[in-house]
Amino acid sequence: FECAYVISSTDGRISSDTALASIADIADAETHFHLIGNGAMVNEWKEGLAKAGVPEDFVTTETYFNHKAEADAEVVKRISTKI
């Protein structure tokens, strides 16, 4: 079991190239993603992970606000190609 945290206030936006590279370094076919944050981030990651082929059962979420925010297509693409 390994757990990695990305804290945007200190590490920068989780969809940045640096954060994506560090996540991609440890993610594998058994990785479970637990997304916690605002609706935009959660929706971007849910879509990006789905496009990357991550099974829905491997993604759980906690959305704190902005639940209906639409995902940014560029961010979704960046996530799906890096993970």
PDB file of N, CA and C in Angstrom:
ATOM      1  N   PHE A   1       0.840  -1.177   0.000  1.00  0.00           N
ATOM      2  CA  PHE A   1       0.000   0.000   0.000  1.00  0.00           C
ATOM      3  C   PHE A   1       0.877   1.229   0.000  1.00  0.00           C
ATOM      4  N   GLU A   2       0.547   2.163  -0.871  1.00  0.00           N
ATOM      5  CA  GLU A   2       1.267   3.429  -0.920  1.00  0.00           C
ATOM      6  C   GLU A   2       0.246   4.537  -1.094  1.00  0.00           C
ATOM      7  N   CYS A   3       0.458   5.621  -0.414  1.00  0.00           N
ATOM      8  CA  CYS A   3      -0.452   6.758  -0.489  1.00  0.00           C
ATOM      9  C   CYS A   3       0.362   7.992  -0.856  1.00  0.00           C
ATOM     10  N   ALA A   4      -0.149   8.773  -1.803  1.00  0.00           N
ATOM     11  CA  ALA A   4       0.521  10.010  -2.185  1.00  0.00           C
ATOM     12  C   ALA A   4      -0.480  11.149  -2.118  1.00  0.00           C
ATOM     13  N   TYR A   5      -0.081  12.228  -1.511  1.00  0.00           N
ATOM     14  CA  TYR A   5      -0.935  13.406  -1.394  1.00  0.00           C
ATOM     15  C   TYR A   5      -0.376  14.515  -2.269  1.00  0.00           C
ATOM     16  N   VAL A   6      -1.254  15.239  -2.926  1.00  0.00           N
ATOM     17  CA  VAL A   6      -0.870  16.454  -3.634  1.00  0.00           C
ATOM     18  C   VAL A   6      -1.709  17.564  -3.026  1.00  0.00           C
ATOM     19  N   ILE A   7      -1.059  18.498  -2.392  1.00  0.00           N
ATOM     20  CA  ILE A   7      -1.721  19.609  -1.723  1.00  0.00           C
ATOM     21  C   ILE A   7      -1.503  20.861  -2.572  1.00  0.00           C
ATOM     22  N   SER A   8      -2.568  21.347  -3.187  1.00  0.00           N
ATOM     23  CA  SER A   8      -2.417  22.434  -4.151  1.00  0.00           C
ATOM     24  C   SER A   8      -1.830  23.706  -3.544  1.00  0.00           C
ATOM     25  N   SER A   9      -2.080  23.974  -2.275  1.00  0.00           N
ATOM     26  CA  SER A   9      -1.549  25.201  -1.670  1.00  0.00           C
ATOM     27  C   SER A   9      -0.027  25.176  -1.562  1.00  0.00           C
ATOM     28  N   THR A  10       0.562  23.993  -1.534  1.00  0.00           N
ATOM     29  CA  THR A  10       2.029  23.906  -1.468  1.00  0.00           C
ATOM     30  C   THR A  10       2.639  23.288  -2.721  1.00  0.00           C
ATOM     31  N   ASP A  11       1.923  22.384  -3.383  1.00  0.00           N
ATOM     32  CA  ASP A  11       2.461  21.667  -4.538  1.00  0.00           C
ATOM     33  C   ASP A  11       2.022  22.249  -5.880  1.00  0.00           C
ATOM     34  N   GLY A  12       1.081  23.162  -5.873  1.00  0.00           N
ATOM     35  CA  GLY A  12       0.546  23.701  -7.122  1.00  0.00           C
ATOM     36  C   GLY A  12      -0.650  22.884  -7.590  1.00  0.00           C
ATOM     37  N   ARG A  13      -1.249  23.339  -8.653  1.00  0.00           N
ATOM     38  CA  ARG A  13      -2.443  22.687  -9.186  1.00  0.00           C
ATOM     39  C   ARG A  13      -2.153  21.229  -9.511  1.00  0.00           C
ATOM     40  N   ILE A  14      -3.058  20.349  -9.146  1.00  0.00           N
ATOM     41  CA  ILE A  14      -2.846  18.917  -9.307  1.00  0.00           C
ATOM     42  C   ILE A  14      -2.769  18.489 -10.772  1.00  0.00           C
ATOM     43  N   SER A  15      -3.260  19.322 -11.672  1.00  0.00           N
ATOM     44  CA  SER A  15      -3.175  18.986 -13.090  1.00  0.00           C
ATOM     45  C   SER A  15      -1.945  19.598 -13.756  1.00  0.00           C
ATOM     46  N   SER A  16      -1.041  20.173 -12.955  1.00  0.00           N
ATOM     47  CA  SER A  16       0.201  20.712 -13.524  1.00  0.00           C
ATOM     48  C   SER A  16       1.070  19.559 -14.016  1.00  0.00           C
ATOM     49  N   ASP A  17       1.962  19.846 -14.941  1.00  0.00           N
ATOM     50  CA  ASP A  17       2.843  18.797 -15.470  1.00  0.00           C
ATOM     51  C   ASP A  17       3.672  18.147 -14.376  1.00  0.00           C
ATOM     52  N   THR A  18       4.136  18.937 -13.412  1.00  0.00           N
ATOM     53  CA  THR A  18       4.953  18.399 -12.323  1.00  0.00           C
ATOM     54  C   THR A  18       4.152  17.429 -11.462  1.00  0.00           C
ATOM     55  N   ALA A  19       2.941  17.833 -11.076  1.00  0.00           N
ATOM     56  CA  ALA A  19       2.105  16.956 -10.247  1.00  0.00           C
ATOM     57  C   ALA A  19       1.712  15.696 -11.020  1.00  0.00           C
ATOM     58  N   LEU A  20       1.334  15.860 -12.285  1.00  0.00           N
ATOM     59  CA  LEU A  20       0.952  14.689 -13.086  1.00  0.00           C
ATOM     60  C   LEU A  20       2.109  13.709 -13.237  1.00  0.00           C
ATOM     61  N   ALA A  21       3.316  14.236 -13.410  1.00  0.00           N
ATOM     62  CA  ALA A  21       4.479  13.358 -13.543  1.00  0.00           C
ATOM     63  C   ALA A  21       4.716  12.571 -12.263  1.00  0.00           C
ATOM     64  N   SER A  22       4.567  13.213 -11.106  1.00  0.00           N
ATOM     65  CA  SER A  22       4.802  12.495  -9.853  1.00  0.00           C
ATOM     66  C   SER A  22       3.717  11.450  -9.608  1.00  0.00           C
ATOM     67  N   ILE A  23       2.493  11.748 -10.006  1.00  0.00           N
ATOM     68  CA  ILE A  23       1.412  10.774  -9.854  1.00  0.00           C
ATOM     69  C   ILE A  23       1.617   9.616 -10.823  1.00  0.00           C
ATOM     70  N   ALA A  24       1.976   9.920 -12.059  1.00  0.00           N
ATOM     71  CA  ALA A  24       2.195   8.879 -13.069  1.00  0.00           C
ATOM     72  C   ALA A  24       3.331   7.939 -12.668  1.00  0.00           C
ATOM     73  N   ASP A  25       4.312   8.457 -11.934  1.00  0.00           N
ATOM     74  CA  ASP A  25       5.443   7.632 -11.493  1.00  0.00           C
ATOM     75  C   ASP A  25       5.010   6.501 -10.561  1.00  0.00           C
ATOM     76  N   ILE A  26       3.942   6.708  -9.785  1.00  0.00           N
ATOM     77  CA  ILE A  26       3.549   5.676  -8.831  1.00  0.00           C
ATOM     78  C   ILE A  26       2.235   4.978  -9.190  1.00  0.00           C
ATOM     79  N   ALA A  27       1.473   5.531 -10.137  1.00  0.00           N
ATOM     80  CA  ALA A  27       0.182   4.930 -10.504  1.00  0.00           C
ATOM     81  C   ALA A  27       0.390   3.671 -11.342  1.00  0.00           C
ATOM     82  N   ASP A  28      -0.429   2.670 -11.074  1.00  0.00           N
ATOM     83  CA  ASP A  28      -0.419   1.458 -11.882  1.00  0.00           C
ATOM     84  C   ASP A  28      -1.854   0.968 -12.042  1.00  0.00           C
ATOM     85  N   ALA A  29      -2.044  -0.202 -12.584  1.00  0.00           N
ATOM     86  CA  ALA A  29      -3.384  -0.726 -12.873  1.00  0.00           C
ATOM     87  C   ALA A  29      -4.222  -0.950 -11.619  1.00  0.00           C
ATOM     88  N   GLU A  30      -3.595  -0.994 -10.452  1.00  0.00           N
ATOM     89  CA  GLU A  30      -4.311  -1.222  -9.191  1.00  0.00           C
ATOM     90  C   GLU A  30      -4.533   0.058  -8.386  1.00  0.00           C
ATOM     91  N   THR A  31      -4.120   1.202  -8.919  1.00  0.00           N
ATOM     92  CA  THR A  31      -4.215   2.455  -8.179  1.00  0.00           C
ATOM     93  C   THR A  31      -5.666   2.890  -8.018  1.00  0.00           C
ATOM     94  N   HIS A  32      -6.016   3.249  -6.791  1.00  0.00           N
ATOM     95  CA  HIS A  32      -7.326   3.820  -6.493  1.00  0.00           C
ATOM     96  C   HIS A  32      -7.125   5.317  -6.306  1.00  0.00           C
ATOM     97  N   PHE A  33      -7.926   6.103  -7.007  1.00  0.00           N
ATOM     98  CA  PHE A  33      -7.842   7.550  -6.929  1.00  0.00           C
ATOM     99  C   PHE A  33      -8.994   8.066  -6.074  1.00  0.00           C
ATOM    100  N   HIS A  34      -8.679   8.781  -4.999  1.00  0.00           N
ATOM    101  CA  HIS A  34      -9.695   9.410  -4.158  1.00  0.00           C
ATOM    102  C   HIS A  34      -9.541  10.907  -4.342  1.00  0.00           C
ATOM    103  N   LEU A  35     -10.497  11.511  -5.037  1.00  0.00           N
ATOM    104  CA  LEU A  35     -10.433  12.914  -5.410  1.00  0.00           C
ATOM    105  C   LEU A  35     -11.220  13.754  -4.416  1.00  0.00           C
ATOM    106  N   ILE A  36     -10.563  14.724  -3.813  1.00  0.00           N
ATOM    107  CA  ILE A  36     -11.198  15.588  -2.819  1.00  0.00           C
ATOM    108  C   ILE A  36     -10.960  17.034  -3.231  1.00  0.00           C
ATOM    109  N   GLY A  37     -12.040  17.786  -3.391  1.00  0.00           N
ATOM    110  CA  GLY A  37     -11.853  19.191  -3.720  1.00  0.00           C
ATOM    111  C   GLY A  37     -13.059  19.815  -4.365  1.00  0.00           C
ATOM    112  N   ASN A  38     -12.810  20.886  -5.106  1.00  0.00           N
ATOM    113  CA  ASN A  38     -13.898  21.611  -5.753  1.00  0.00           C
ATOM    114  C   ASN A  38     -14.391  20.850  -6.982  1.00  0.00           C
ATOM    115  N   GLY A  39     -15.586  21.184  -7.415  1.00  0.00           N
ATOM    116  CA  GLY A  39     -16.227  20.466  -8.508  1.00  0.00           C
ATOM    117  C   GLY A  39     -15.437  20.473  -9.805  1.00  0.00           C
ATOM    118  N   ALA A  40     -14.810  21.592 -10.136  1.00  0.00           N
ATOM    119  CA  ALA A  40     -14.038  21.656 -11.378  1.00  0.00           C
ATOM    120  C   ALA A  40     -12.912  20.622 -11.365  1.00  0.00           C
ATOM    121  N   MET A  41     -12.142  20.583 -10.289  1.00  0.00           N
ATOM    122  CA  MET A  41     -11.029  19.637 -10.202  1.00  0.00           C
ATOM    123  C   MET A  41     -11.534  18.208 -10.211  1.00  0.00           C
ATOM    124  N   VAL A  42     -12.531  17.924  -9.422  1.00  0.00           N
ATOM    125  CA  VAL A  42     -13.052  16.558  -9.337  1.00  0.00           C
ATOM    126  C   VAL A  42     -13.588  16.106 -10.696  1.00  0.00           C
ATOM    127  N   ASN A  43     -14.349  16.961 -11.364  1.00  0.00           N
ATOM    128  CA  ASN A  43     -14.917  16.591 -12.664  1.00  0.00           C
ATOM    129  C   ASN A  43     -13.843  16.420 -13.732  1.00  0.00           C
ATOM    130  N   GLU A  44     -12.820  17.264 -13.715  1.00  0.00           N
ATOM    131  CA  GLU A  44     -11.716  17.119 -14.674  1.00  0.00           C
ATOM    132  C   GLU A  44     -10.992  15.792 -14.466  1.00  0.00           C
ATOM    133  N   TRP A  45     -10.717  15.460 -13.217  1.00  0.00           N
ATOM    134  CA  TRP A  45     -10.019  14.208 -12.937  1.00  0.00           C
ATOM    135  C   TRP A  45     -10.879  12.989 -13.230  1.00  0.00           C
ATOM    136  N   LYS A  46     -12.156  13.047 -12.889  1.00  0.00           N
ATOM    137  CA  LYS A  46     -13.036  11.909 -13.193  1.00  0.00           C
ATOM    138  C   LYS A  46     -13.055  11.643 -14.696  1.00  0.00           C
ATOM    139  N   GLU A  47     -13.215  12.701 -15.498  1.00  0.00           N
ATOM    140  CA  GLU A  47     -13.234  12.538 -16.958  1.00  0.00           C
ATOM    141  C   GLU A  47     -11.869  12.093 -17.488  1.00  0.00           C
ATOM    142  N   GLY A  48     -10.809  12.713 -16.993  1.00  0.00           N
ATOM    143  CA  GLY A  48      -9.466  12.359 -17.454  1.00  0.00           C
ATOM    144  C   GLY A  48      -9.103  10.925 -17.130  1.00  0.00           C
ATOM    145  N   LEU A  49      -9.427  10.485 -15.924  1.00  0.00           N
ATOM    146  CA  LEU A  49      -9.129   9.103 -15.541  1.00  0.00           C
ATOM    147  C   LEU A  49      -9.960   8.117 -16.358  1.00  0.00           C
ATOM    148  N   ALA A  50     -11.222   8.464 -16.617  1.00  0.00           N
ATOM    149  CA  ALA A  50     -12.065   7.595 -17.442  1.00  0.00           C
ATOM    150  C   ALA A  50     -11.475   7.465 -18.853  1.00  0.00           C
ATOM    151  N   LYS A  51     -11.036   8.571 -19.426  1.00  0.00           N
ATOM    152  CA  LYS A  51     -10.434   8.539 -20.762  1.00  0.00           C
ATOM    153  C   LYS A  51      -9.108   7.783 -20.763  1.00  0.00           C
ATOM    154  N   ALA A  52      -8.441   7.752 -19.627  1.00  0.00           N
ATOM    155  CA  ALA A  52      -7.175   7.017 -19.506  1.00  0.00           C
ATOM    156  C   ALA A  52      -7.410   5.527 -19.283  1.00  0.00           C
ATOM    157  N   GLY A  53      -8.678   5.134 -19.114  1.00  0.00           N
ATOM    158  CA  GLY A  53      -8.998   3.720 -18.935  1.00  0.00           C
ATOM    159  C   GLY A  53      -9.048   3.245 -17.499  1.00  0.00           C
ATOM    160  N   VAL A  54      -9.049   4.175 -16.542  1.00  0.00           N
ATOM    161  CA  VAL A  54      -9.138   3.792 -15.131  1.00  0.00           C
ATOM    162  C   VAL A  54     -10.586   3.359 -14.852  1.00  0.00           C
ATOM    163  N   PRO A  55     -10.788   2.159 -14.334  1.00  0.00           N
ATOM    164  CA  PRO A  55     -12.157   1.698 -14.050  1.00  0.00           C
ATOM    165  C   PRO A  55     -12.868   2.613 -13.050  1.00  0.00           C
ATOM    166  N   GLU A  56     -14.146   2.821 -13.255  1.00  0.00           N
ATOM    167  CA  GLU A  56     -14.947   3.688 -12.382  1.00  0.00           C
ATOM    168  C   GLU A  56     -14.870   3.251 -10.922  1.00  0.00           C
ATOM    169  N   ASP A  57     -14.753   1.951 -10.681  1.00  0.00           N
ATOM    170  CA  ASP A  57     -14.657   1.437  -9.310  1.00  0.00           C
ATOM    171  C   ASP A  57     -13.368   1.860  -8.609  1.00  0.00           C
ATOM    172  N   PHE A  58     -12.399   2.356  -9.348  1.00  0.00           N
ATOM    173  CA  PHE A  58     -11.124   2.769  -8.786  1.00  0.00           C
ATOM    174  C   PHE A  58     -11.068   4.278  -8.533  1.00  0.00           C
ATOM    175  N   VAL A  59     -12.225   4.953  -8.636  1.00  0.00           N
ATOM    176  CA  VAL A  59     -12.278   6.400  -8.435  1.00  0.00           C
ATOM    177  C   VAL A  59     -13.407   6.725  -7.465  1.00  0.00           C
ATOM    178  N   THR A  60     -13.066   7.379  -6.355  1.00  0.00           N
ATOM    179  CA  THR A  60     -14.072   7.877  -5.420  1.00  0.00           C
ATOM    180  C   THR A  60     -13.850   9.377  -5.265  1.00  0.00           C
ATOM    181  N   THR A  61     -14.915  10.069  -4.850  1.00  0.00           N
ATOM    182  CA  THR A  61     -14.825  11.522  -4.805  1.00  0.00           C
ATOM    183  C   THR A  61     -15.465  12.105  -3.554  1.00  0.00           C
ATOM    184  N   GLU A  62     -14.975  13.288  -3.190  1.00  0.00           N
ATOM    185  CA  GLU A  62     -15.584  14.160  -2.197  1.00  0.00           C
ATOM    186  C   GLU A  62     -15.533  15.555  -2.797  1.00  0.00           C
ATOM    187  N   THR A  63     -16.695  16.069  -3.180  1.00  0.00           N
ATOM    188  CA  THR A  63     -16.762  17.382  -3.805  1.00  0.00           C
ATOM    189  C   THR A  63     -17.311  18.382  -2.800  1.00  0.00           C
ATOM    190  N   TYR A  64     -16.583  19.470  -2.581  1.00  0.00           N
ATOM    191  CA  TYR A  64     -16.950  20.422  -1.539  1.00  0.00           C
ATOM    192  C   TYR A  64     -17.797  21.593  -2.018  1.00  0.00           C
ATOM    193  N   PHE A  65     -17.640  22.033  -3.229  1.00  0.00           N
ATOM    194  CA  PHE A  65     -18.445  23.135  -3.763  1.00  0.00           C
ATOM    195  C   PHE A  65     -18.333  23.113  -5.274  1.00  0.00           C
ATOM    196  N   ASN A  66     -19.125  23.938  -5.933  1.00  0.00           N
ATOM    197  CA  ASN A  66     -19.051  24.051  -7.380  1.00  0.00           C
ATOM    198  C   ASN A  66     -19.312  22.705  -8.052  1.00  0.00           C
ATOM    199  N   HIS A  67     -20.266  21.961  -7.553  1.00  0.00           N
ATOM    200  CA  HIS A  67     -20.547  20.594  -7.997  1.00  0.00           C
ATOM    201  C   HIS A  67     -20.849  20.480  -9.487  1.00  0.00           C
ATOM    202  N   LYS A  68     -21.444  21.497 -10.076  1.00  0.00           N
ATOM    203  CA  LYS A  68     -21.876  21.423 -11.471  1.00  0.00           C
ATOM    204  C   LYS A  68     -20.866  22.018 -12.444  1.00  0.00           C
ATOM    205  N   ALA A  69     -19.686  22.325 -11.971  1.00  0.00           N
ATOM    206  CA  ALA A  69     -18.670  22.919 -12.850  1.00  0.00           C
ATOM    207  C   ALA A  69     -18.346  21.975 -13.997  1.00  0.00           C
ATOM    208  N   GLU A  70     -18.192  22.549 -15.173  1.00  0.00           N
ATOM    209  CA  GLU A  70     -17.822  21.747 -16.334  1.00  0.00           C
ATOM    210  C   GLU A  70     -16.303  21.577 -16.368  1.00  0.00           C
ATOM    211  N   ALA A  71     -15.908  20.418 -16.792  1.00  0.00           N
ATOM    212  CA  ALA A  71     -14.481  20.121 -16.880  1.00  0.00           C
ATOM    213  C   ALA A  71     -13.860  20.872 -18.052  1.00  0.00           C
ATOM    214  N   ASP A  72     -12.652  21.357 -17.851  1.00  0.00           N
ATOM    215  CA  ASP A  72     -11.876  22.004 -18.904  1.00  0.00           C
ATOM    216  C   ASP A  72     -11.305  20.905 -19.805  1.00  0.00           C
ATOM    217  N   ALA A  73     -11.641  20.930 -21.083  1.00  0.00           N
ATOM    218  CA  ALA A  73     -11.239  19.871 -22.022  1.00  0.00           C
ATOM    219  C   ALA A  73      -9.722  19.715 -22.102  1.00  0.00           C
ATOM    220  N   GLU A  74      -8.985  20.826 -22.043  1.00  0.00           N
ATOM    221  CA  GLU A  74      -7.520  20.749 -22.102  1.00  0.00           C
ATOM    222  C   GLU A  74      -6.954  20.036 -20.876  1.00  0.00           C
ATOM    223  N   VAL A  75      -7.523  20.321 -19.713  1.00  0.00           N
ATOM    224  CA  VAL A  75      -7.062  19.679 -18.480  1.00  0.00           C
ATOM    225  C   VAL A  75      -7.393  18.193 -18.530  1.00  0.00           C
ATOM    226  N   VAL A  76      -8.584  17.846 -18.982  1.00  0.00           N
ATOM    227  CA  VAL A  76      -8.985  16.435 -19.111  1.00  0.00           C
ATOM    228  C   VAL A  76      -8.008  15.706 -20.033  1.00  0.00           C
ATOM    229  N   LYS A  77      -7.677  16.317 -21.148  1.00  0.00           N
ATOM    230  CA  LYS A  77      -6.737  15.706 -22.107  1.00  0.00           C
ATOM    231  C   LYS A  77      -5.362  15.506 -21.465  1.00  0.00           C
ATOM    232  N   ARG A  78      -4.882  16.521 -20.750  1.00  0.00           N
ATOM    233  CA  ARG A  78      -3.569  16.426 -20.103  1.00  0.00           C
ATOM    234  C   ARG A  78      -3.548  15.286 -19.086  1.00  0.00           C
ATOM    235  N   ILE A  79      -4.601  15.172 -18.283  1.00  0.00           N
ATOM    236  CA  ILE A  79      -4.683  14.099 -17.294  1.00  0.00           C
ATOM    237  C   ILE A  79      -4.713  12.742 -17.981  1.00  0.00           C
ATOM    238  N   SER A  80      -5.556  12.617 -19.001  1.00  0.00           N
ATOM    239  CA  SER A  80      -5.722  11.302 -19.660  1.00  0.00           C
ATOM    240  C   SER A  80      -4.469  10.835 -20.383  1.00  0.00           C
ATOM    241  N   THR A  81      -3.651  11.753 -20.860  1.00  0.00           N
ATOM    242  CA  THR A  81      -2.443  11.337 -21.560  1.00  0.00           C
ATOM    243  C   THR A  81      -1.252  11.115 -20.642  1.00  0.00           C
ATOM    244  N   LYS A  82      -1.288  11.672 -19.442  1.00  0.00           N
ATOM    245  CA  LYS A  82      -0.154  11.557 -18.516  1.00  0.00           C
ATOM    246  C   LYS A  82      -0.294  10.423 -17.511  1.00  0.00           C
ATOM    247  N   ILE A  83      -1.536  10.001 -17.233  1.00  0.00           N
ATOM    248  CA  ILE A  83      -1.746   8.974 -16.209  1.00  0.00           C
ATOM    249  C   ILE A  83      -1.770   7.601 -16.858  1.00  0.00           C
TER     250      ILE A  83
END
